[in-house]
């Protein structure tokens, strides 16, 4: 009986010591989770008859306490500081990344605006350039048309003024010419003798106006232009593409070729020519100027009594034929190189 009592007392004392040690450990570690408490009364209320039973009870109690106990996570100031430092670093990295993204977006936006402005300016410049080109094309067309009109009008005015001046100044020029060469004194004699003896004779014989230059009298290089002449009909573009020098004289168009002026038939469809054949020219002079020189020489020699108008008409051609016959030349009734050489003009 005493043994049983001793065992009970010893078990109670051991239980009390165990509970006190657990309470002390609990007080030292407040951060750990508190185990579920079982009062000593409950533990003591359980019957225990033998030391073996008490030993088993102690083991079971200790095992239950170890299984139910758990510790809180330790938290220290250093851990909090490190955690805050990591969050701050992450925040700073995010801020820096956002700033870079913002700068990149601003740069892309500026580049987009620049490209858009370039495209708009390019379209605007293309439209302005096209408008300017249209204006310049219209202006150049008008200027070219005006220049062409000026050229045509100048040639027409020259021909008209030349004819008008020849008619107005014919008397004055004839008088001055006669005064210089004593034509006034010998005019009646020259006209009577030459026109009666030469012109009248050769009109009925070999001094007639001719356009046929195929005879033996027209051999030689000096008459090649007359032998080879044939009337050619072409439009304005053909004449422009084949000959560089084409002029408007005496209401007709003439082209320059190998020292002669030829009528450009078809250049102006409504134009007709008094004389259809070559006209030899020296120093590159126009056919009307050369004709004026010939008319003056014929008038000085008494063969011509018509107007000094630069037109190679029937009266001038008859005088040329008489002069050629008197001087042993081939009668071309036209202005050729041998005739001009005999007159002393070349």
C-alpha atoms as a PDB file:
ATOM      1  CA  UNK A   1       0.000   0.000   0.000  1.00  0.00           C
ATOM      2  CA  UNK A   2       2.800   2.328   0.858  1.00  0.00           C
ATOM      3  CA  UNK A   3       4.472   1.443  -2.358  1.00  0.00           C
ATOM      4  CA  UNK A   4       1.419   2.484  -4.294  1.00  0.00           C
ATOM      5  CA  UNK A   5       1.234   5.787  -2.452  1.00  0.00           C
ATOM      6  CA  UNK A   6       4.915   6.450  -3.090  1.00  0.00           C
ATOM      7  CA  UNK A   7       4.429   5.816  -6.763  1.00  0.00           C
ATOM      8  CA  UNK A   8       1.471   8.205  -6.902  1.00  0.00           C
ATOM      9  CA  UNK A   9       3.396  10.918  -5.110  1.00  0.00           C
ATOM     10  CA  UNK A  10       6.454  10.527  -7.297  1.00  0.00           C
ATOM     11  CA  UNK A  11       4.287  10.611 -10.464  1.00  0.00           C
ATOM     12  CA  UNK A  12       2.510  13.742  -9.259  1.00  0.00           C
ATOM     13  CA  UNK A  13       5.828  15.414  -8.482  1.00  0.00           C
ATOM     14  CA  UNK A  14       7.241  14.483 -11.876  1.00  0.00           C
ATOM     15  CA  UNK A  15       4.134  15.780 -13.574  1.00  0.00           C
ATOM     16  CA  UNK A  16       4.345  19.031 -11.697  1.00  0.00           C
ATOM     17  CA  UNK A  17       8.028  19.483 -12.580  1.00  0.00           C
ATOM     18  CA  UNK A  18       7.279  18.777 -16.216  1.00  0.00           C
ATOM     19  CA  UNK A  19       4.479  21.307 -16.266  1.00  0.00           C
ATOM     20  CA  UNK A  20       6.669  23.930 -14.592  1.00  0.00           C
ATOM     21  CA  UNK A  21       9.474  23.429 -17.110  1.00  0.00           C
ATOM     22  CA  UNK A  22       7.047  23.789 -19.991  1.00  0.00           C
ATOM     23  CA  UNK A  23       5.661  26.985 -18.500  1.00  0.00           C
ATOM     24  CA  UNK A  24       9.167  28.415 -18.136  1.00  0.00           C
ATOM     25  CA  UNK A  25      10.028  27.559 -21.722  1.00  0.00           C
ATOM     26  CA  UNK A  26       6.772  29.123 -22.765  1.00  0.00           C
ATOM     27  CA  UNK A  27       7.623  32.313 -20.978  1.00  0.00           C
ATOM     28  CA  UNK A  28      11.081  32.489 -22.580  1.00  0.00           C
ATOM     29  CA  UNK A  29       9.777  31.990 -26.146  1.00  0.00           C
ATOM     30  CA  UNK A  30       6.706  34.132 -26.617  1.00  0.00           C
ATOM     31  CA  UNK A  31       6.857  33.943 -30.357  1.00  0.00           C
ATOM     32  CA  UNK A  32       6.249  30.238 -30.502  1.00  0.00           C
ATOM     33  CA  UNK A  33       2.776  28.907 -30.714  1.00  0.00           C
ATOM     34  CA  UNK A  34       1.285  28.016 -27.380  1.00  0.00           C
ATOM     35  CA  UNK A  35       0.436  24.324 -27.030  1.00  0.00           C
ATOM     36  CA  UNK A  36      -2.959  23.258 -25.908  1.00  0.00           C
ATOM     37  CA  UNK A  37      -2.952  23.175 -22.144  1.00  0.00           C
ATOM     38  CA  UNK A  38      -4.111  20.346 -20.123  1.00  0.00           C
ATOM     39  CA  UNK A  39      -4.431  20.995 -16.468  1.00  0.00           C
ATOM     40  CA  UNK A  40      -2.680  18.972 -13.895  1.00  0.00           C
ATOM     41  CA  UNK A  41      -6.004  18.231 -12.437  1.00  0.00           C
ATOM     42  CA  UNK A  42      -7.060  16.354 -15.511  1.00  0.00           C
ATOM     43  CA  UNK A  43      -3.743  14.573 -15.596  1.00  0.00           C
ATOM     44  CA  UNK A  44      -3.943  13.822 -11.948  1.00  0.00           C
ATOM     45  CA  UNK A  45      -7.488  12.646 -12.190  1.00  0.00           C
ATOM     46  CA  UNK A  46      -6.510   9.758 -14.331  1.00  0.00           C
ATOM     47  CA  UNK A  47      -5.984   6.570 -12.332  1.00  0.00           C
ATOM     48  CA  UNK A  48      -2.551   5.167 -12.177  1.00  0.00           C
ATOM     49  CA  UNK A  49      -1.994   2.081 -10.102  1.00  0.00           C
ATOM     50  CA  UNK A  50       1.533   1.076 -10.964  1.00  0.00           C
ATOM     51  CA  UNK A  51       4.790   2.748 -11.753  1.00  0.00           C
ATOM     52  CA  UNK A  52       4.572   1.236 -15.175  1.00  0.00           C
ATOM     53  CA  UNK A  53       1.307   2.941 -15.730  1.00  0.00           C
ATOM     54  CA  UNK A  54       2.750   6.253 -14.609  1.00  0.00           C
ATOM     55  CA  UNK A  55       5.739   5.809 -16.828  1.00  0.00           C
ATOM     56  CA  UNK A  56       3.499   5.143 -19.765  1.00  0.00           C
ATOM     57  CA  UNK A  57       1.417   8.163 -18.822  1.00  0.00           C
ATOM     58  CA  UNK A  58       4.478  10.356 -18.757  1.00  0.00           C
ATOM     59  CA  UNK A  59       5.638   9.129 -22.099  1.00  0.00           C
ATOM     60  CA  UNK A  60       2.221   9.672 -23.626  1.00  0.00           C
ATOM     61  CA  UNK A  61       1.965  13.156 -22.175  1.00  0.00           C
ATOM     62  CA  UNK A  62       5.383  14.111 -23.472  1.00  0.00           C
ATOM     63  CA  UNK A  63       4.588  12.688 -26.880  1.00  0.00           C
ATOM     64  CA  UNK A  64       1.340  14.589 -27.063  1.00  0.00           C
ATOM     65  CA  UNK A  65       3.056  17.802 -26.057  1.00  0.00           C
ATOM     66  CA  UNK A  66       5.750  17.362 -28.663  1.00  0.00           C
ATOM     67  CA  UNK A  67       3.214  16.661 -31.379  1.00  0.00           C
ATOM     68  CA  UNK A  68       0.999  19.642 -30.588  1.00  0.00           C
ATOM     69  CA  UNK A  69       3.732  22.213 -30.092  1.00  0.00           C
ATOM     70  CA  UNK A  70       4.717  24.590 -32.966  1.00  0.00           C
ATOM     71  CA  UNK A  71       6.871  27.669 -33.231  1.00  0.00           C
ATOM     72  CA  UNK A  72       6.056  31.100 -34.711  1.00  0.00           C
ATOM     73  CA  UNK A  73       8.330  32.359 -37.513  1.00  0.00           C
ATOM     74  CA  UNK A  74      11.145  34.390 -36.199  1.00  0.00           C
ATOM     75  CA  UNK A  75      11.107  37.999 -37.234  1.00  0.00           C
ATOM     76  CA  UNK A  76      14.015  40.338 -36.705  1.00  0.00           C
ATOM     77  CA  UNK A  77      14.798  43.976 -37.572  1.00  0.00           C
ATOM     78  CA  UNK A  78      17.503  42.911 -40.000  1.00  0.00           C
ATOM     79  CA  UNK A  79      15.031  40.783 -41.958  1.00  0.00           C
ATOM     80  CA  UNK A  80      12.565  43.668 -42.080  1.00  0.00           C
ATOM     81  CA  UNK A  81      15.301  46.041 -43.261  1.00  0.00           C
ATOM     82  CA  UNK A  82      16.403  43.590 -45.945  1.00  0.00           C
ATOM     83  CA  UNK A  83      12.810  43.071 -47.038  1.00  0.00           C
ATOM     84  CA  UNK A  84      12.192  46.816 -47.239  1.00  0.00           C
ATOM     85  CA  UNK A  85      15.478  47.305 -49.105  1.00  0.00           C
ATOM     86  CA  UNK A  86      14.468  44.655 -51.658  1.00  0.00           C
ATOM     87  CA  UNK A  87      11.069  46.256 -52.117  1.00  0.00           C
ATOM     88  CA  UNK A  88      12.696  49.670 -52.550  1.00  0.00           C
ATOM     89  CA  UNK A  89      15.113  48.263 -55.134  1.00  0.00           C
ATOM     90  CA  UNK A  90      12.260  46.627 -57.023  1.00  0.00           C
ATOM     91  CA  UNK A  91      10.294  49.870 -56.877  1.00  0.00           C
ATOM     92  CA  UNK A  92      13.276  51.853 -58.158  1.00  0.00           C
ATOM     93  CA  UNK A  93      13.815  49.368 -60.967  1.00  0.00           C
ATOM     94  CA  UNK A  94      10.140  49.618 -61.896  1.00  0.00           C
ATOM     95  CA  UNK A  95      10.333  53.405 -61.805  1.00  0.00           C
ATOM     96  CA  UNK A  96      13.469  53.397 -63.970  1.00  0.00           C
ATOM     97  CA  UNK A  97      11.851  50.938 -66.396  1.00  0.00           C
ATOM     98  CA  UNK A  98       8.717  53.065 -66.550  1.00  0.00           C
ATOM     99  CA  UNK A  99      10.818  56.180 -67.155  1.00  0.00           C
ATOM    100  CA  UNK A 100      12.680  54.466 -69.982  1.00  0.00           C
ATOM    101  CA  UNK A 101       9.401  53.251 -71.465  1.00  0.00           C
ATOM    102  CA  UNK A 102       8.001  56.795 -71.208  1.00  0.00           C
ATOM    103  CA  UNK A 103      11.078  58.270 -72.905  1.00  0.00           C
ATOM    104  CA  UNK A 104      10.924  55.599 -75.591  1.00  0.00           C
ATOM    105  CA  UNK A 105       7.221  56.276 -76.176  1.00  0.00           C
ATOM    106  CA  UNK A 106       7.901  60.010 -76.393  1.00  0.00           C
ATOM    107  CA  UNK A 107      10.721  59.385 -78.878  1.00  0.00           C
ATOM    108  CA  UNK A 108       8.558  57.053 -80.965  1.00  0.00           C
ATOM    109  CA  UNK A 109       5.760  59.582 -80.905  1.00  0.00           C
ATOM    110  CA  UNK A 110       8.135  62.298 -82.087  1.00  0.00           C
ATOM    111  CA  UNK A 111       9.492  60.026 -84.825  1.00  0.00           C
ATOM    112  CA  UNK A 112       5.949  59.173 -85.913  1.00  0.00           C
ATOM    113  CA  UNK A 113       5.026  62.857 -86.024  1.00  0.00           C
ATOM    114  CA  UNK A 114       8.224  63.616 -87.945  1.00  0.00           C
ATOM    115  CA  UNK A 115       7.508  60.879 -90.499  1.00  0.00           C
ATOM    116  CA  UNK A 116       3.915  62.046 -90.799  1.00  0.00           C
ATOM    117  CA  UNK A 117       5.067  65.641 -91.287  1.00  0.00           C
ATOM    118  CA  UNK A 118       7.581  64.500 -93.896  1.00  0.00           C
ATOM    119  CA  UNK A 119       4.870  62.599 -95.764  1.00  0.00           C
ATOM    120  CA  UNK A 120       2.498  65.560 -95.557  1.00  0.00           C
ATOM    121  CA  UNK A 121       5.218  67.962 -96.677  1.00  0.00           C
ATOM    122  CA  UNK A 122       6.213  65.624 -99.481  1.00  0.00           C
ATOM    123  CA  UNK A 123       2.633  65.447-100.758  1.00  0.00           C
ATOM    124  CA  UNK A 124       2.297  69.191-100.359  1.00  0.00           C
ATOM    125  CA  UNK A 125       5.596  69.802-102.189  1.00  0.00           C
ATOM    126  CA  UNK A 126       4.573  67.422-104.962  1.00  0.00           C
ATOM    127  CA  UNK A 127       1.288  69.276-105.361  1.00  0.00           C
ATOM    128  CA  UNK A 128       3.028  72.671-105.301  1.00  0.00           C
ATOM    129  CA  UNK A 129       5.696  71.476-107.749  1.00  0.00           C
ATOM    130  CA  UNK A 130       3.053  70.034-110.059  1.00  0.00           C
ATOM    131  CA  UNK A 131       1.159  73.313-109.944  1.00  0.00           C
ATOM    132  CA  UNK A 132       4.324  75.272-110.622  1.00  0.00           C
ATOM    133  CA  UNK A 133       5.250  72.955-113.467  1.00  0.00           C
ATOM    134  CA  UNK A 134       1.806  73.414-114.978  1.00  0.00           C
ATOM    135  CA  UNK A 135       2.150  77.171-114.612  1.00  0.00           C
ATOM    136  CA  UNK A 136       5.653  77.102-116.112  1.00  0.00           C
ATOM    137  CA  UNK A 137       4.515  74.828-118.925  1.00  0.00           C
ATOM    138  CA  UNK A 138       1.651  77.188-119.697  1.00  0.00           C
ATOM    139  CA  UNK A 139       3.975  80.173-119.423  1.00  0.00           C
ATOM    140  CA  UNK A 140       6.614  78.541-121.618  1.00  0.00           C
ATOM    141  CA  UNK A 141       3.957  77.609-124.162  1.00  0.00           C
ATOM    142  CA  UNK A 142       2.702  81.151-124.230  1.00  0.00           C
ATOM    143  CA  UNK A 143       6.234  82.530-124.444  1.00  0.00           C
ATOM    144  CA  UNK A 144       7.117  80.129-127.253  1.00  0.00           C
ATOM    145  CA  UNK A 145       3.903  81.006-129.048  1.00  0.00           C
ATOM    146  CA  UNK A 146       4.614  84.698-128.531  1.00  0.00           C
ATOM    147  CA  UNK A 147       8.184  84.310-129.825  1.00  0.00           C
ATOM    148  CA  UNK A 148       6.965  82.410-132.851  1.00  0.00           C
ATOM    149  CA  UNK A 149       4.354  85.056-133.474  1.00  0.00           C
ATOM    150  CA  UNK A 150       6.969  87.773-133.075  1.00  0.00           C
ATOM    151  CA  UNK A 151       9.250  85.998-135.549  1.00  0.00           C
ATOM    152  CA  UNK A 152       6.486  85.539-138.091  1.00  0.00           C
ATOM    153  CA  UNK A 153       5.242  89.074-137.602  1.00  0.00           C
ATOM    154  CA  UNK A 154       8.766  90.444-137.841  1.00  0.00           C
ATOM    155  CA  UNK A 155       9.337  88.681-141.138  1.00  0.00           C
ATOM    156  CA  UNK A 156       5.990  89.859-142.439  1.00  0.00           C
ATOM    157  CA  UNK A 157       6.628  93.380-141.245  1.00  0.00           C
ATOM    158  CA  UNK A 158      10.063  93.371-142.815  1.00  0.00           C
ATOM    159  CA  UNK A 159       8.631  92.259-146.133  1.00  0.00           C
ATOM    160  CA  UNK A 160       5.787  94.759-145.934  1.00  0.00           C
ATOM    161  CA  UNK A 161       8.046  97.593-144.800  1.00  0.00           C
ATOM    162  CA  UNK A 162      10.598  96.759-147.441  1.00  0.00           C
ATOM    163  CA  UNK A 163       7.971  96.898-150.139  1.00  0.00           C
ATOM    164  CA  UNK A 164       6.456 100.054-148.697  1.00  0.00           C
ATOM    165  CA  UNK A 165       9.843 101.725-148.312  1.00  0.00           C
ATOM    166  CA  UNK A 166      10.795 100.734-151.824  1.00  0.00           C
ATOM    167  CA  UNK A 167       7.630 102.293-153.172  1.00  0.00           C
ATOM    168  CA  UNK A 168       7.917 105.438-151.047  1.00  0.00           C
ATOM    169  CA  UNK A 169      11.615 105.984-151.583  1.00  0.00           C
ATOM    170  CA  UNK A 170      11.780 104.749-155.147  1.00  0.00           C
ATOM    171  CA  UNK A 171      11.753 108.215-156.665  1.00  0.00           C
ATOM    172  CA  UNK A 172      14.294 109.551-154.235  1.00  0.00           C
ATOM    173  CA  UNK A 173      16.614 106.573-154.631  1.00  0.00           C
ATOM    174  CA  UNK A 174      16.298 106.698-158.411  1.00  0.00           C
ATOM    175  CA  UNK A 175      17.135 110.386-158.478  1.00  0.00           C
ATOM    176  CA  UNK A 176      20.105 109.997-156.172  1.00  0.00           C
ATOM    177  CA  UNK A 177      21.324 107.003-158.103  1.00  0.00           C
ATOM    178  CA  UNK A 178      20.961 108.830-161.414  1.00  0.00           C
ATOM    179  CA  UNK A 179      22.729 111.892-160.013  1.00  0.00           C
ATOM    180  CA  UNK A 180      25.675 109.820-158.883  1.00  0.00           C
ATOM    181  CA  UNK A 181      26.029 107.961-162.154  1.00  0.00           C
ATOM    182  CA  UNK A 182      24.892 110.611-164.614  1.00  0.00           C
ATOM    183  CA  UNK A 183      21.974 108.426-165.543  1.00  0.00           C
ATOM    184  CA  UNK A 184      19.714 111.441-165.858  1.00  0.00           C
ATOM    185  CA  UNK A 185      21.826 112.826-168.694  1.00  0.00           C
ATOM    186  CA  UNK A 186      22.065 109.605-170.707  1.00  0.00           C
ATOM    187  CA  UNK A 187      18.745 108.046-169.765  1.00  0.00           C
ATOM    188  CA  UNK A 188      16.861 108.732-172.987  1.00  0.00           C
ATOM    189  CA  UNK A 189      19.748 107.646-175.168  1.00  0.00           C
ATOM    190  CA  UNK A 190      20.427 104.442-173.231  1.00  0.00           C
ATOM    191  CA  UNK A 191      16.820 103.465-173.070  1.00  0.00           C
ATOM    192  CA  UNK A 192      16.200 104.205-176.740  1.00  0.00           C
ATOM    193  CA  UNK A 193      19.290 102.457-178.004  1.00  0.00           C
ATOM    194  CA  UNK A 194      19.368  99.496-175.637  1.00  0.00           C
ATOM    195  CA  UNK A 195      15.683  98.792-175.396  1.00  0.00           C
ATOM    196  CA  UNK A 196      15.189  99.121-179.112  1.00  0.00           C
ATOM    197  CA  UNK A 197      18.379  97.375-180.148  1.00  0.00           C
ATOM    198  CA  UNK A 198      18.575  94.734-177.433  1.00  0.00           C
ATOM    199  CA  UNK A 199      15.388  94.143-175.517  1.00  0.00           C
ATOM    200  CA  UNK A 200      13.063  94.269-178.521  1.00  0.00           C
ATOM    201  CA  UNK A 201      15.363  92.064-180.531  1.00  0.00           C
ATOM    202  CA  UNK A 202      15.918  89.462-177.866  1.00  0.00           C
ATOM    203  CA  UNK A 203      12.273  89.318-176.871  1.00  0.00           C
ATOM    204  CA  UNK A 204      11.583  88.010-180.323  1.00  0.00           C
ATOM    205  CA  UNK A 205      14.669  85.818-180.381  1.00  0.00           C
ATOM    206  CA  UNK A 206      16.714  84.158-177.670  1.00  0.00           C
ATOM    207  CA  UNK A 207      16.176  86.700-174.896  1.00  0.00           C
ATOM    208  CA  UNK A 208      12.770  85.455-173.915  1.00  0.00           C
ATOM    209  CA  UNK A 209      12.022  84.543-170.302  1.00  0.00           C
ATOM    210  CA  UNK A 210      12.727  80.889-169.854  1.00  0.00           C
ATOM    211  CA  UNK A 211      12.321  78.324-167.086  1.00  0.00           C
ATOM    212  CA  UNK A 212      13.824  75.495-169.099  1.00  0.00           C
ATOM    213  CA  UNK A 213      17.475  75.022-168.174  1.00  0.00           C
ATOM    214  CA  UNK A 214      18.103  71.668-169.845  1.00  0.00           C
ATOM    215  CA  UNK A 215      19.935  72.883-172.943  1.00  0.00           C
ATOM    216  CA  UNK A 216      23.629  72.728-173.803  1.00  0.00           C
ATOM    217  CA  UNK A 217      24.047  76.359-172.804  1.00  0.00           C
ATOM    218  CA  UNK A 218      23.566  75.379-169.159  1.00  0.00           C
ATOM    219  CA  UNK A 219      26.429  72.959-168.862  1.00  0.00           C
ATOM    220  CA  UNK A 220      28.960  73.413-166.107  1.00  0.00           C
ATOM    221  CA  UNK A 221      28.878  73.546-162.346  1.00  0.00           C
ATOM    222  CA  UNK A 222      27.651  77.143-162.258  1.00  0.00           C
ATOM    223  CA  UNK A 223      24.322  76.128-163.788  1.00  0.00           C
ATOM    224  CA  UNK A 224      23.921  72.816-161.898  1.00  0.00           C
ATOM    225  CA  UNK A 225      21.344  74.317-159.509  1.00  0.00           C
ATOM    226  CA  UNK A 226      19.182  75.331-162.508  1.00  0.00           C
ATOM    227  CA  UNK A 227      19.564  72.013-164.357  1.00  0.00           C
ATOM    228  CA  UNK A 228      18.696  69.977-161.248  1.00  0.00           C
ATOM    229  CA  UNK A 229      15.850  72.139-160.006  1.00  0.00           C
ATOM    230  CA  UNK A 230      12.444  70.518-159.602  1.00  0.00           C
ATOM    231  CA  UNK A 231       9.514  71.897-157.685  1.00  0.00           C
ATOM    232  CA  UNK A 232       9.046  70.062-154.376  1.00  0.00           C
ATOM    233  CA  UNK A 233       5.916  70.089-152.263  1.00  0.00           C
ATOM    234  CA  UNK A 234       6.308  69.401-148.524  1.00  0.00           C
ATOM    235  CA  UNK A 235       4.649  70.523-145.357  1.00  0.00           C
ATOM    236  CA  UNK A 236       6.159  72.886-142.818  1.00  0.00           C
ATOM    237  CA  UNK A 237       7.561  70.152-140.536  1.00  0.00           C
ATOM    238  CA  UNK A 238       9.386  68.455-143.436  1.00  0.00           C
ATOM    239  CA  UNK A 239      11.060  71.694-144.504  1.00  0.00           C
ATOM    240  CA  UNK A 240      12.018  72.470-140.884  1.00  0.00           C
ATOM    241  CA  UNK A 241      13.558  69.043-140.384  1.00  0.00           C
ATOM    242  CA  UNK A 242      15.634  69.175-143.622  1.00  0.00           C
ATOM    243  CA  UNK A 243      16.813  72.797-143.786  1.00  0.00           C
ATOM    244  CA  UNK A 244      18.076  75.085-141.056  1.00  0.00           C
ATOM    245  CA  UNK A 245      17.458  78.444-142.749  1.00  0.00           C
ATOM    246  CA  UNK A 246      13.971  79.260-144.005  1.00  0.00           C
ATOM    247  CA  UNK A 247      12.776  82.856-144.411  1.00  0.00           C
ATOM    248  CA  UNK A 248       9.659  84.728-145.440  1.00  0.00           C
ATOM    249  CA  UNK A 249      10.325  87.163-148.318  1.00  0.00           C
ATOM    250  CA  UNK A 250       7.978  88.845-150.821  1.00  0.00           C
ATOM    251  CA  UNK A 251       4.953  86.940-149.523  1.00  0.00           C
ATOM    252  CA  UNK A 252       6.699  83.596-149.950  1.00  0.00           C
ATOM    253  CA  UNK A 253       8.897  81.147-148.051  1.00  0.00           C
ATOM    254  CA  UNK A 254      12.428  80.364-149.285  1.00  0.00           C
ATOM    255  CA  UNK A 255      15.001  77.853-148.028  1.00  0.00           C
ATOM    256  CA  UNK A 256      18.791  78.183-148.287  1.00  0.00           C
ATOM    257  CA  UNK A 257      20.849  75.430-149.879  1.00  0.00           C
ATOM    258  CA  UNK A 258      24.366  75.424-151.365  1.00  0.00           C
ATOM    259  CA  UNK A 259      24.491  79.174-152.037  1.00  0.00           C
ATOM    260  CA  UNK A 260      21.010  79.457-153.597  1.00  0.00           C
ATOM    261  CA  UNK A 261      17.561  80.394-152.391  1.00  0.00           C
ATOM    262  CA  UNK A 262      14.773  78.050-153.473  1.00  0.00           C
ATOM    263  CA  UNK A 263      10.990  78.450-153.088  1.00  0.00           C
ATOM    264  CA  UNK A 264       9.648  76.171-150.327  1.00  0.00           C
ATOM    265  CA  UNK A 265       6.456  74.965-151.969  1.00  0.00           C
ATOM    266  CA  UNK A 266       3.915  73.681-149.458  1.00  0.00           C
ATOM    267  CA  UNK A 267       5.471  75.408-146.449  1.00  0.00           C
ATOM    268  CA  UNK A 268       2.410  77.647-146.519  1.00  0.00           C
ATOM    269  CA  UNK A 269      -0.233  76.050-148.775  1.00  0.00           C
ATOM    270  CA  UNK A 270      -1.815  79.367-149.760  1.00  0.00           C
ATOM    271  CA  UNK A 271       1.477  80.949-150.934  1.00  0.00           C
ATOM    272  CA  UNK A 272       2.340  81.279-154.632  1.00  0.00           C
ATOM    273  CA  UNK A 273       5.578  82.492-156.217  1.00  0.00           C
ATOM    274  CA  UNK A 274       6.103  84.957-159.073  1.00  0.00           C
ATOM    275  CA  UNK A 275       9.349  83.217-159.995  1.00  0.00           C
ATOM    276  CA  UNK A 276       9.770  79.472-159.597  1.00  0.00           C
ATOM    277  CA  UNK A 277      13.498  78.771-159.597  1.00  0.00           C
ATOM    278  CA  UNK A 278      16.830  79.246-157.834  1.00  0.00           C
ATOM    279  CA  UNK A 279      18.220  82.676-156.888  1.00  0.00           C
ATOM    280  CA  UNK A 280      21.965  82.904-156.378  1.00  0.00           C
ATOM    281  CA  UNK A 281      22.991  84.933-153.301  1.00  0.00           C
ATOM    282  CA  UNK A 282      26.336  86.205-152.097  1.00  0.00           C
ATOM    283  CA  UNK A 283      27.405  86.932-148.519  1.00  0.00           C
ATOM    284  CA  UNK A 284      24.354  85.025-147.354  1.00  0.00           C
ATOM    285  CA  UNK A 285      22.042  87.880-148.311  1.00  0.00           C
ATOM    286  CA  UNK A 286      18.311  87.356-148.673  1.00  0.00           C
ATOM    287  CA  UNK A 287      16.840  86.983-152.186  1.00  0.00           C
ATOM    288  CA  UNK A 288      15.056  90.335-152.095  1.00  0.00           C
ATOM    289  CA  UNK A 289      18.264  92.197-151.243  1.00  0.00           C
ATOM    290  CA  UNK A 290      20.168  90.489-154.042  1.00  0.00           C
ATOM    291  CA  UNK A 291      17.306  91.309-156.429  1.00  0.00           C
ATOM    292  CA  UNK A 292      17.474  95.003-155.410  1.00  0.00           C
ATOM    293  CA  UNK A 293      21.199  95.074-156.285  1.00  0.00           C
ATOM    294  CA  UNK A 294      20.505  93.462-159.670  1.00  0.00           C
ATOM    295  CA  UNK A 295      17.666  95.879-160.426  1.00  0.00           C
ATOM    296  CA  UNK A 296      19.917  98.836-159.626  1.00  0.00           C
ATOM    297  CA  UNK A 297      22.678  97.502-161.909  1.00  0.00           C
ATOM    298  CA  UNK A 298      20.210  96.881-164.726  1.00  0.00           C
ATOM    299  CA  UNK A 299      18.713 100.348-164.289  1.00  0.00           C
ATOM    300  CA  UNK A 300      22.192 101.874-164.307  1.00  0.00           C
ATOM    301  CA  UNK A 301      22.980 100.031-167.550  1.00  0.00           C
ATOM    302  CA  UNK A 302      19.654 101.094-169.106  1.00  0.00           C
ATOM    303  CA  UNK A 303      18.010  97.653-169.187  1.00  0.00           C
ATOM    304  CA  UNK A 304      15.463  98.199-166.417  1.00  0.00           C
ATOM    305  CA  UNK A 305      12.975 100.990-165.899  1.00  0.00           C
ATOM    306  CA  UNK A 306      10.740  99.433-163.274  1.00  0.00           C
ATOM    307  CA  UNK A 307      10.487  99.800-159.491  1.00  0.00           C
ATOM    308  CA  UNK A 308      13.399  98.864-157.230  1.00  0.00           C
ATOM    309  CA  UNK A 309      11.279  96.578-155.079  1.00  0.00           C
ATOM    310  CA  UNK A 310      13.357  93.401-154.713  1.00  0.00           C
ATOM    311  CA  UNK A 311      10.772  91.281-156.559  1.00  0.00           C
ATOM    312  CA  UNK A 312      12.023  89.071-159.379  1.00  0.00           C
ATOM    313  CA  UNK A 313       8.991  89.741-161.603  1.00  0.00           C
ATOM    314  CA  UNK A 314       8.500  89.664-165.371  1.00  0.00           C
ATOM    315  CA  UNK A 315      10.031  93.124-166.005  1.00  0.00           C
ATOM    316  CA  UNK A 316      13.145  92.282-164.001  1.00  0.00           C
ATOM    317  CA  UNK A 317      13.506  88.886-165.684  1.00  0.00           C
ATOM    318  CA  UNK A 318      13.192  90.436-169.170  1.00  0.00           C
ATOM    319  CA  UNK A 319      15.931  92.927-168.306  1.00  0.00           C
ATOM    320  CA  UNK A 320      18.131  90.116-166.987  1.00  0.00           C
ATOM    321  CA  UNK A 321      17.595  88.088-170.171  1.00  0.00           C
ATOM    322  CA  UNK A 322      18.583  91.058-172.352  1.00  0.00           C
ATOM    323  CA  UNK A 323      21.650  91.733-170.219  1.00  0.00           C
ATOM    324  CA  UNK A 324      22.716  88.076-170.392  1.00  0.00           C
ATOM    325  CA  UNK A 325      22.280  87.962-174.148  1.00  0.00           C
ATOM    326  CA  UNK A 326      24.298  91.155-174.628  1.00  0.00           C
ATOM    327  CA  UNK A 327      27.135  89.788-172.521  1.00  0.00           C
ATOM    328  CA  UNK A 328      27.302  86.327-174.074  1.00  0.00           C
ATOM    329  CA  UNK A 329      25.891  84.552-171.035  1.00  0.00           C
ATOM    330  CA  UNK A 330      23.460  81.662-170.922  1.00  0.00           C
ATOM    331  CA  UNK A 331      19.999  83.228-170.829  1.00  0.00           C
ATOM    332  CA  UNK A 332      18.509  81.898-167.592  1.00  0.00           C
ATOM    333  CA  UNK A 333      16.274  84.960-167.084  1.00  0.00           C
ATOM    334  CA  UNK A 334      17.257  84.538-163.439  1.00  0.00           C
ATOM    335  CA  UNK A 335      19.915  85.645-160.995  1.00  0.00           C
ATOM    336  CA  UNK A 336      22.806  83.200-161.401  1.00  0.00           C
ATOM    337  CA  UNK A 337      26.448  83.336-160.437  1.00  0.00           C
ATOM    338  CA  UNK A 338      27.901  84.189-163.931  1.00  0.00           C
ATOM    339  CA  UNK A 339      25.457  87.107-164.284  1.00  0.00           C
ATOM    340  CA  UNK A 340      26.355  88.547-160.876  1.00  0.00           C
ATOM    341  CA  UNK A 341      30.048  88.110-161.656  1.00  0.00           C
ATOM    342  CA  UNK A 342      29.622  89.996-164.950  1.00  0.00           C
ATOM    343  CA  UNK A 343      27.821  92.820-163.103  1.00  0.00           C
ATOM    344  CA  UNK A 344      30.706  92.998-160.647  1.00  0.00           C
ATOM    345  CA  UNK A 345      28.594  92.072-157.622  1.00  0.00           C
ATOM    346  CA  UNK A 346      30.617  88.967-156.681  1.00  0.00           C
END
